């Protein structure tokens, strides 16, 4: 999308225009931004590492959570859920 280098606030601002859900591995995002001001749901993946092999096992839970997500809300998904 050409969004490399965007800071979190600007990134979320752009994402909310075209997307309903923002999926991230950035566990600090909730401390860095007031997420309630964005019209987008946030899914924070909590894995040992953000490498694909650690994130792939979380995808089924992400997919099952999608219908219940609401804008401005944050959902944490980890291997232990």
PDB file of N, CA and C in Angstrom:
ATOM      1  N   UNK A   1       0.826  -1.194   0.000  1.00  0.00           N
ATOM      2  CA  UNK A   1       0.000   0.000   0.000  1.00  0.00           C
ATOM      3  C   UNK A   1       0.870   1.258   0.000  1.00  0.00           C
ATOM      4  N   UNK A   2       2.163   1.067   0.106  1.00  0.00           N
ATOM      5  CA  UNK A   2       3.039   2.230   0.130  1.00  0.00           C
ATOM      6  C   UNK A   2       3.030   2.959   1.455  1.00  0.00           C
ATOM      7  N   UNK A   3       2.710   2.263   2.535  1.00  0.00           N
ATOM      8  CA  UNK A   3       2.585   2.884   3.843  1.00  0.00           C
ATOM      9  C   UNK A   3       3.828   2.701   4.700  1.00  0.00           C
ATOM     10  N   UNK A   4       4.901   2.245   4.133  1.00  0.00           N
ATOM     11  CA  UNK A   4       6.137   2.080   4.907  1.00  0.00           C
ATOM     12  C   UNK A   4       6.538   3.408   5.532  1.00  0.00           C
ATOM     13  N   UNK A   5       6.983   3.336   6.769  1.00  0.00           N
ATOM     14  CA  UNK A   5       7.456   4.524   7.454  1.00  0.00           C
ATOM     15  C   UNK A   5       6.387   5.339   8.154  1.00  0.00           C
ATOM     16  N   UNK A   6       5.101   4.977   7.994  1.00  0.00           N
ATOM     17  CA  UNK A   6       4.048   5.717   8.686  1.00  0.00           C
ATOM     18  C   UNK A   6       4.076   5.385  10.167  1.00  0.00           C
ATOM     19  N   UNK A   7       3.883   6.365  10.984  1.00  0.00           N
ATOM     20  CA  UNK A   7       3.782   6.166  12.429  1.00  0.00           C
ATOM     21  C   UNK A   7       2.395   5.598  12.745  1.00  0.00           C
ATOM     22  N   UNK A   8       2.240   5.005  13.929  1.00  0.00           N
ATOM     23  CA  UNK A   8       1.001   4.310  14.283  1.00  0.00           C
ATOM     24  C   UNK A   8      -0.263   5.140  14.091  1.00  0.00           C
ATOM     25  N   UNK A   9      -0.266   6.376  14.570  1.00  0.00           N
ATOM     26  CA  UNK A   9      -1.457   7.202  14.444  1.00  0.00           C
ATOM     27  C   UNK A   9      -1.845   7.451  13.007  1.00  0.00           C
ATOM     28  N   UNK A  10      -0.885   7.793  12.195  1.00  0.00           N
ATOM     29  CA  UNK A  10      -1.156   8.031  10.777  1.00  0.00           C
ATOM     30  C   UNK A  10      -1.540   6.734  10.074  1.00  0.00           C
ATOM     31  N   UNK A  11      -0.885   5.655  10.432  1.00  0.00           N
ATOM     32  CA  UNK A  11      -1.187   4.351   9.841  1.00  0.00           C
ATOM     33  C   UNK A  11      -2.626   3.942  10.149  1.00  0.00           C
ATOM     34  N   UNK A  12      -3.035   4.059  11.393  1.00  0.00           N
ATOM     35  CA  UNK A  12      -4.407   3.715  11.757  1.00  0.00           C
ATOM     36  C   UNK A  12      -5.415   4.650  11.104  1.00  0.00           C
ATOM     37  N   UNK A  13      -5.063   5.919  10.987  1.00  0.00           N
ATOM     38  CA  UNK A  13      -5.939   6.878  10.315  1.00  0.00           C
ATOM     39  C   UNK A  13      -6.193   6.502   8.873  1.00  0.00           C
ATOM     40  N   UNK A  14      -5.175   6.080   8.188  1.00  0.00           N
ATOM     41  CA  UNK A  14      -5.343   5.651   6.794  1.00  0.00           C
ATOM     42  C   UNK A  14      -6.062   4.314   6.708  1.00  0.00           C
ATOM     43  N   UNK A  15      -5.707   3.387   7.595  1.00  0.00           N
ATOM     44  CA  UNK A  15      -6.308   2.056   7.568  1.00  0.00           C
ATOM     45  C   UNK A  15      -7.817   2.114   7.798  1.00  0.00           C
ATOM     46  N   UNK A  16      -8.273   3.006   8.672  1.00  0.00           N
ATOM     47  CA  UNK A  16      -9.702   3.065   8.988  1.00  0.00           C
ATOM     48  C   UNK A  16     -10.553   3.485   7.795  1.00  0.00           C
ATOM     49  N   UNK A  17      -9.929   4.083   6.806  1.00  0.00           N
ATOM     50  CA  UNK A  17     -10.673   4.515   5.617  1.00  0.00           C
ATOM     51  C   UNK A  17     -11.074   3.320   4.755  1.00  0.00           C
ATOM     52  N   UNK A  18     -10.171   2.351   4.625  1.00  0.00           N
ATOM     53  CA  UNK A  18     -10.400   1.244   3.702  1.00  0.00           C
ATOM     54  C   UNK A  18     -10.635  -0.109   4.363  1.00  0.00           C
ATOM     55  N   UNK A  19     -10.401  -0.210   5.666  1.00  0.00           N
ATOM     56  CA  UNK A  19     -10.468  -1.501   6.335  1.00  0.00           C
ATOM     57  C   UNK A  19     -11.338  -1.438   7.587  1.00  0.00           C
ATOM     58  N   UNK A  20     -11.840  -2.603   7.992  1.00  0.00           N
ATOM     59  CA  UNK A  20     -12.638  -2.711   9.208  1.00  0.00           C
ATOM     60  C   UNK A  20     -11.809  -3.190  10.390  1.00  0.00           C
ATOM     61  N   UNK A  21     -10.712  -3.905  10.104  1.00  0.00           N
ATOM     62  CA  UNK A  21      -9.884  -4.520  11.142  1.00  0.00           C
ATOM     63  C   UNK A  21      -8.419  -4.265  10.833  1.00  0.00           C
ATOM     64  N   UNK A  22      -7.665  -3.946  11.876  1.00  0.00           N
ATOM     65  CA  UNK A  22      -6.212  -3.770  11.786  1.00  0.00           C
ATOM     66  C   UNK A  22      -5.581  -4.868  12.639  1.00  0.00           C
ATOM     67  N   UNK A  23      -4.794  -5.742  12.011  1.00  0.00           N
ATOM     68  CA  UNK A  23      -4.136  -6.841  12.716  1.00  0.00           C
ATOM     69  C   UNK A  23      -2.668  -6.477  12.872  1.00  0.00           C
ATOM     70  N   UNK A  24      -2.159  -6.594  14.107  1.00  0.00           N
ATOM     71  CA  UNK A  24      -0.788  -6.196  14.383  1.00  0.00           C
ATOM     72  C   UNK A  24      -0.124  -7.140  15.378  1.00  0.00           C
ATOM     73  N   UNK A  25       1.165  -7.148  15.364  1.00  0.00           N
ATOM     74  CA  UNK A  25       1.947  -7.859  16.368  1.00  0.00           C
ATOM     75  C   UNK A  25       2.547  -6.889  17.365  1.00  0.00           C
ATOM     76  N   UNK A  26       2.206  -5.609  17.239  1.00  0.00           N
ATOM     77  CA  UNK A  26       2.744  -4.553  18.101  1.00  0.00           C
ATOM     78  C   UNK A  26       1.980  -4.509  19.422  1.00  0.00           C
ATOM     79  N   UNK A  27       2.533  -5.116  20.448  1.00  0.00           N
ATOM     80  CA  UNK A  27       1.873  -5.179  21.753  1.00  0.00           C
ATOM     81  C   UNK A  27       1.835  -3.820  22.450  1.00  0.00           C
ATOM     82  N   UNK A  28       2.654  -2.892  22.015  1.00  0.00           N
ATOM     83  CA  UNK A  28       2.694  -1.566  22.646  1.00  0.00           C
ATOM     84  C   UNK A  28       1.699  -0.585  22.037  1.00  0.00           C
ATOM     85  N   UNK A  29       1.059  -0.964  20.961  1.00  0.00           N
ATOM     86  CA  UNK A  29       0.144  -0.062  20.262  1.00  0.00           C
ATOM     87  C   UNK A  29      -0.925   0.496  21.200  1.00  0.00           C
ATOM     88  N   UNK A  30      -1.449  -0.324  22.075  1.00  0.00           N
ATOM     89  CA  UNK A  30      -2.521   0.130  22.965  1.00  0.00           C
ATOM     90  C   UNK A  30      -2.030   1.165  23.973  1.00  0.00           C
ATOM     91  N   UNK A  31      -0.746   1.185  24.248  1.00  0.00           N
ATOM     92  CA  UNK A  31      -0.177   2.167  25.167  1.00  0.00           C
ATOM     93  C   UNK A  31       0.238   3.445  24.443  1.00  0.00           C
ATOM     94  N   UNK A  32       0.436   3.343  23.137  1.00  0.00           N
ATOM     95  CA  UNK A  32       0.938   4.464  22.349  1.00  0.00           C
ATOM     96  C   UNK A  32      -0.159   5.304  21.713  1.00  0.00           C
ATOM     97  N   UNK A  33      -1.351   4.739  21.575  1.00  0.00           N
ATOM     98  CA  UNK A  33      -2.431   5.431  20.874  1.00  0.00           C
ATOM     99  C   UNK A  33      -3.737   5.321  21.659  1.00  0.00           C
ATOM    100  N   UNK A  34      -4.592   6.316  21.511  1.00  0.00           N
ATOM    101  CA  UNK A  34      -5.962   6.238  22.017  1.00  0.00           C
ATOM    102  C   UNK A  34      -6.773   5.574  20.913  1.00  0.00           C
ATOM    103  N   UNK A  35      -6.888   4.260  20.983  1.00  0.00           N
ATOM    104  CA  UNK A  35      -7.491   3.500  19.892  1.00  0.00           C
ATOM    105  C   UNK A  35      -8.980   3.748  19.739  1.00  0.00           C
ATOM    106  N   UNK A  36      -9.635   4.252  20.775  1.00  0.00           N
ATOM    107  CA  UNK A  36     -11.078   4.512  20.674  1.00  0.00           C
ATOM    108  C   UNK A  36     -11.392   5.636  19.696  1.00  0.00           C
ATOM    109  N   UNK A  37     -10.405   6.426  19.332  1.00  0.00           N
ATOM    110  CA  UNK A  37     -10.667   7.536  18.393  1.00  0.00           C
ATOM    111  C   UNK A  37     -10.618   7.100  16.927  1.00  0.00           C
ATOM    112  N   UNK A  38     -10.282   5.837  16.696  1.00  0.00           N
ATOM    113  CA  UNK A  38     -10.223   5.318  15.333  1.00  0.00           C
ATOM    114  C   UNK A  38     -11.434   4.440  15.053  1.00  0.00           C
ATOM    115  N   UNK A  39     -11.934   4.544  13.844  1.00  0.00           N
ATOM    116  CA  UNK A  39     -13.100   3.772  13.419  1.00  0.00           C
ATOM    117  C   UNK A  39     -12.627   2.461  12.791  1.00  0.00           C
ATOM    118  N   UNK A  40     -11.944   1.659  13.610  1.00  0.00           N
ATOM    119  CA  UNK A  40     -11.411   0.383  13.141  1.00  0.00           C
ATOM    120  C   UNK A  40     -11.194  -0.512  14.356  1.00  0.00           C
ATOM    121  N   UNK A  41     -11.451  -1.791  14.195  1.00  0.00           N
ATOM    122  CA  UNK A  41     -11.174  -2.756  15.266  1.00  0.00           C
ATOM    123  C   UNK A  41      -9.700  -3.146  15.185  1.00  0.00           C
ATOM    124  N   UNK A  42      -9.127  -3.464  16.333  1.00  0.00           N
ATOM    125  CA  UNK A  42      -7.711  -3.814  16.409  1.00  0.00           C
ATOM    126  C   UNK A  42      -7.580  -5.242  16.944  1.00  0.00           C
ATOM    127  N   UNK A  43      -6.787  -6.060  16.254  1.00  0.00           N
ATOM    128  CA  UNK A  43      -6.450  -7.396  16.735  1.00  0.00           C
ATOM    129  C   UNK A  43      -4.948  -7.404  16.981  1.00  0.00           C
ATOM    130  N   UNK A  44      -4.567  -7.678  18.220  1.00  0.00           N
ATOM    131  CA  UNK A  44      -3.155  -7.750  18.589  1.00  0.00           C
ATOM    132  C   UNK A  44      -2.785  -9.218  18.735  1.00  0.00           C
ATOM    133  N   UNK A  45      -1.873  -9.670  17.892  1.00  0.00           N
ATOM    134  CA  UNK A  45      -1.406 -11.052  17.947  1.00  0.00           C
ATOM    135  C   UNK A  45      -0.266 -11.148  18.945  1.00  0.00           C
ATOM    136  N   UNK A  46      -0.405 -12.054  19.886  1.00  0.00           N
ATOM    137  CA  UNK A  46       0.615 -12.241  20.903  1.00  0.00           C
ATOM    138  C   UNK A  46       1.249 -13.616  20.710  1.00  0.00           C
ATOM    139  N   UNK A  47       2.421 -13.604  20.130  1.00  0.00           N
ATOM    140  CA  UNK A  47       3.141 -14.842  19.860  1.00  0.00           C
ATOM    141  C   UNK A  47       4.568 -14.695  20.358  1.00  0.00           C
ATOM    142  N   UNK A  48       5.259 -15.809  20.402  1.00  0.00           N
ATOM    143  CA  UNK A  48       6.657 -15.808  20.833  1.00  0.00           C
ATOM    144  C   UNK A  48       7.501 -14.861  19.991  1.00  0.00           C
ATOM    145  N   UNK A  49       7.116 -14.722  18.732  1.00  0.00           N
ATOM    146  CA  UNK A  49       7.871 -13.950  17.758  1.00  0.00           C
ATOM    147  C   UNK A  49       6.895 -13.528  16.680  1.00  0.00           C
ATOM    148  N   UNK A  50       7.202 -12.494  15.922  1.00  0.00           N
ATOM    149  CA  UNK A  50       6.297 -12.080  14.841  1.00  0.00           C
ATOM    150  C   UNK A  50       6.621 -12.758  13.519  1.00  0.00           C
ATOM    151  N   UNK A  51       7.484 -13.750  13.545  1.00  0.00           N
ATOM    152  CA  UNK A  51       7.737 -14.530  12.340  1.00  0.00           C
ATOM    153  C   UNK A  51       6.480 -15.320  11.985  1.00  0.00           C
ATOM    154  N   UNK A  52       6.275 -15.509  10.691  1.00  0.00           N
ATOM    155  CA  UNK A  52       5.067 -16.149  10.194  1.00  0.00           C
ATOM    156  C   UNK A  52       4.801 -17.501  10.851  1.00  0.00           C
ATOM    157  N   UNK A  53       5.822 -18.292  11.083  1.00  0.00           N
ATOM    158  CA  UNK A  53       5.618 -19.627  11.665  1.00  0.00           C
ATOM    159  C   UNK A  53       5.010 -19.557  13.069  1.00  0.00           C
ATOM    160  N   UNK A  54       5.212 -18.468  13.778  1.00  0.00           N
ATOM    161  CA  UNK A  54       4.609 -18.289  15.098  1.00  0.00           C
ATOM    162  C   UNK A  54       3.200 -17.701  15.023  1.00  0.00           C
ATOM    163  N   UNK A  55       2.942 -16.943  13.970  1.00  0.00           N
ATOM    164  CA  UNK A  55       1.641 -16.281  13.822  1.00  0.00           C
ATOM    165  C   UNK A  55       0.588 -17.169  13.162  1.00  0.00           C
ATOM    166  N   UNK A  56       0.995 -18.037  12.273  1.00  0.00           N
ATOM    167  CA  UNK A  56       0.034 -18.874  11.550  1.00  0.00           C
ATOM    168  C   UNK A  56      -0.903 -19.666  12.461  1.00  0.00           C
ATOM    169  N   UNK A  57      -0.425 -20.236  13.571  1.00  0.00           N
ATOM    170  CA  UNK A  57      -1.355 -20.964  14.437  1.00  0.00           C
ATOM    171  C   UNK A  57      -2.457 -20.087  15.052  1.00  0.00           C
ATOM    172  N   UNK A  58      -2.287 -18.777  15.038  1.00  0.00           N
ATOM    173  CA  UNK A  58      -3.279 -17.860  15.602  1.00  0.00           C
ATOM    174  C   UNK A  58      -4.391 -17.510  14.613  1.00  0.00           C
ATOM    175  N   UNK A  59      -4.161 -17.773  13.340  1.00  0.00           N
ATOM    176  CA  UNK A  59      -5.100 -17.340  12.297  1.00  0.00           C
ATOM    177  C   UNK A  59      -6.500 -17.932  12.461  1.00  0.00           C
ATOM    178  N   UNK A  60      -6.665 -19.212  12.805  1.00  0.00           N
ATOM    179  CA  UNK A  60      -8.047 -19.698  12.994  1.00  0.00           C
ATOM    180  C   UNK A  60      -8.815 -18.911  14.055  1.00  0.00           C
ATOM    181  N   UNK A  61      -8.156 -18.528  15.122  1.00  0.00           N
ATOM    182  CA  UNK A  61      -8.835 -17.744  16.155  1.00  0.00           C
ATOM    183  C   UNK A  61      -9.137 -16.329  15.663  1.00  0.00           C
ATOM    184  N   UNK A  62      -8.243 -15.763  14.870  1.00  0.00           N
ATOM    185  CA  UNK A  62      -8.501 -14.446  14.274  1.00  0.00           C
ATOM    186  C   UNK A  62      -9.754 -14.528  13.406  1.00  0.00           C
ATOM    187  N   UNK A  63      -9.833 -15.533  12.569  1.00  0.00           N
ATOM    188  CA  UNK A  63     -10.983 -15.686  11.679  1.00  0.00           C
ATOM    189  C   UNK A  63     -12.288 -15.864  12.457  1.00  0.00           C
ATOM    190  N   UNK A  64     -12.243 -16.616  13.541  1.00  0.00           N
ATOM    191  CA  UNK A  64     -13.471 -16.805  14.318  1.00  0.00           C
ATOM    192  C   UNK A  64     -13.864 -15.540  15.081  1.00  0.00           C
ATOM    193  N   UNK A  65     -12.900 -14.681  15.395  1.00  0.00           N
ATOM    194  CA  UNK A  65     -13.189 -13.440  16.116  1.00  0.00           C
ATOM    195  C   UNK A  65     -13.728 -12.338  15.204  1.00  0.00           C
ATOM    196  N   UNK A  66     -13.433 -12.400  13.926  1.00  0.00           N
ATOM    197  CA  UNK A  66     -13.803 -11.311  13.012  1.00  0.00           C
ATOM    198  C   UNK A  66     -15.272 -10.885  13.091  1.00  0.00           C
ATOM    199  N   UNK A  67     -16.230 -11.802  13.112  1.00  0.00           N
ATOM    200  CA  UNK A  67     -17.633 -11.353  13.142  1.00  0.00           C
ATOM    201  C   UNK A  67     -18.032 -10.602  14.415  1.00  0.00           C
ATOM    202  N   UNK A  68     -17.260 -10.735  15.482  1.00  0.00           N
ATOM    203  CA  UNK A  68     -17.626 -10.112  16.749  1.00  0.00           C
ATOM    204  C   UNK A  68     -16.895  -8.801  17.018  1.00  0.00           C
ATOM    205  N   UNK A  69     -15.992  -8.408  16.134  1.00  0.00           N
ATOM    206  CA  UNK A  69     -15.171  -7.221  16.367  1.00  0.00           C
ATOM    207  C   UNK A  69     -15.960  -5.941  16.150  1.00  0.00           C
ATOM    208  N   UNK A  70     -15.643  -4.937  16.947  1.00  0.00           N
ATOM    209  CA  UNK A  70     -16.301  -3.638  16.837  1.00  0.00           C
ATOM    210  C   UNK A  70     -15.256  -2.533  16.734  1.00  0.00           C
ATOM    211  N   UNK A  71     -15.581  -1.500  15.989  1.00  0.00           N
ATOM    212  CA  UNK A  71     -14.670  -0.366  15.830  1.00  0.00           C
ATOM    213  C   UNK A  71     -14.280   0.218  17.173  1.00  0.00           C
ATOM    214  N   UNK A  72     -13.003   0.563  17.302  1.00  0.00           N
ATOM    215  CA  UNK A  72     -12.502   1.170  18.524  1.00  0.00           C
ATOM    216  C   UNK A  72     -12.178   0.178  19.623  1.00  0.00           C
ATOM    217  N   UNK A  73     -12.434  -1.089  19.376  1.00  0.00           N
ATOM    218  CA  UNK A  73     -12.173  -2.118  20.379  1.00  0.00           C
ATOM    219  C   UNK A  73     -10.894  -2.880  20.022  1.00  0.00           C
ATOM    220  N   UNK A  74     -10.270  -3.440  21.055  1.00  0.00           N
ATOM    221  CA  UNK A  74      -9.031  -4.200  20.884  1.00  0.00           C
ATOM    222  C   UNK A  74      -9.262  -5.620  21.360  1.00  0.00           C
ATOM    223  N   UNK A  75      -8.813  -6.582  20.564  1.00  0.00           N
ATOM    224  CA  UNK A  75      -8.895  -7.992  20.917  1.00  0.00           C
ATOM    225  C   UNK A  75      -7.467  -8.533  20.881  1.00  0.00           C
ATOM    226  N   UNK A  76      -7.098  -9.263  21.922  1.00  0.00           N
ATOM    227  CA  UNK A  76      -5.790  -9.891  21.986  1.00  0.00           C
ATOM    228  C   UNK A  76      -5.946 -11.376  21.710  1.00  0.00           C
ATOM    229  N   UNK A  77      -5.123 -11.870  20.811  1.00  0.00           N
ATOM    230  CA  UNK A  77      -5.162 -13.298  20.487  1.00  0.00           C
ATOM    231  C   UNK A  77      -3.772 -13.866  20.688  1.00  0.00           C
ATOM    232  N   UNK A  78      -3.726 -14.905  21.505  1.00  0.00           N
ATOM    233  CA  UNK A  78      -2.433 -15.545  21.775  1.00  0.00           C
ATOM    234  C   UNK A  78      -2.599 -17.051  21.704  1.00  0.00           C
ATOM    235  N   UNK A  79      -1.488 -17.746  21.686  1.00  0.00           N
ATOM    236  CA  UNK A  79      -1.501 -19.201  21.593  1.00  0.00           C
ATOM    237  C   UNK A  79      -2.201 -19.812  22.796  1.00  0.00           C
ATOM    238  N   UNK A  80      -2.237 -19.119  23.915  1.00  0.00           N
ATOM    239  CA  UNK A  80      -2.848 -19.632  25.125  1.00  0.00           C
ATOM    240  C   UNK A  80      -4.338 -19.357  25.262  1.00  0.00           C
ATOM    241  N   UNK A  81      -4.958 -18.668  24.280  1.00  0.00           N
ATOM    242  CA  UNK A  81      -6.388 -18.306  24.391  1.00  0.00           C
ATOM    243  C   UNK A  81      -7.277 -19.526  24.335  1.00  0.00           C
TER     244      UNK A  81
END
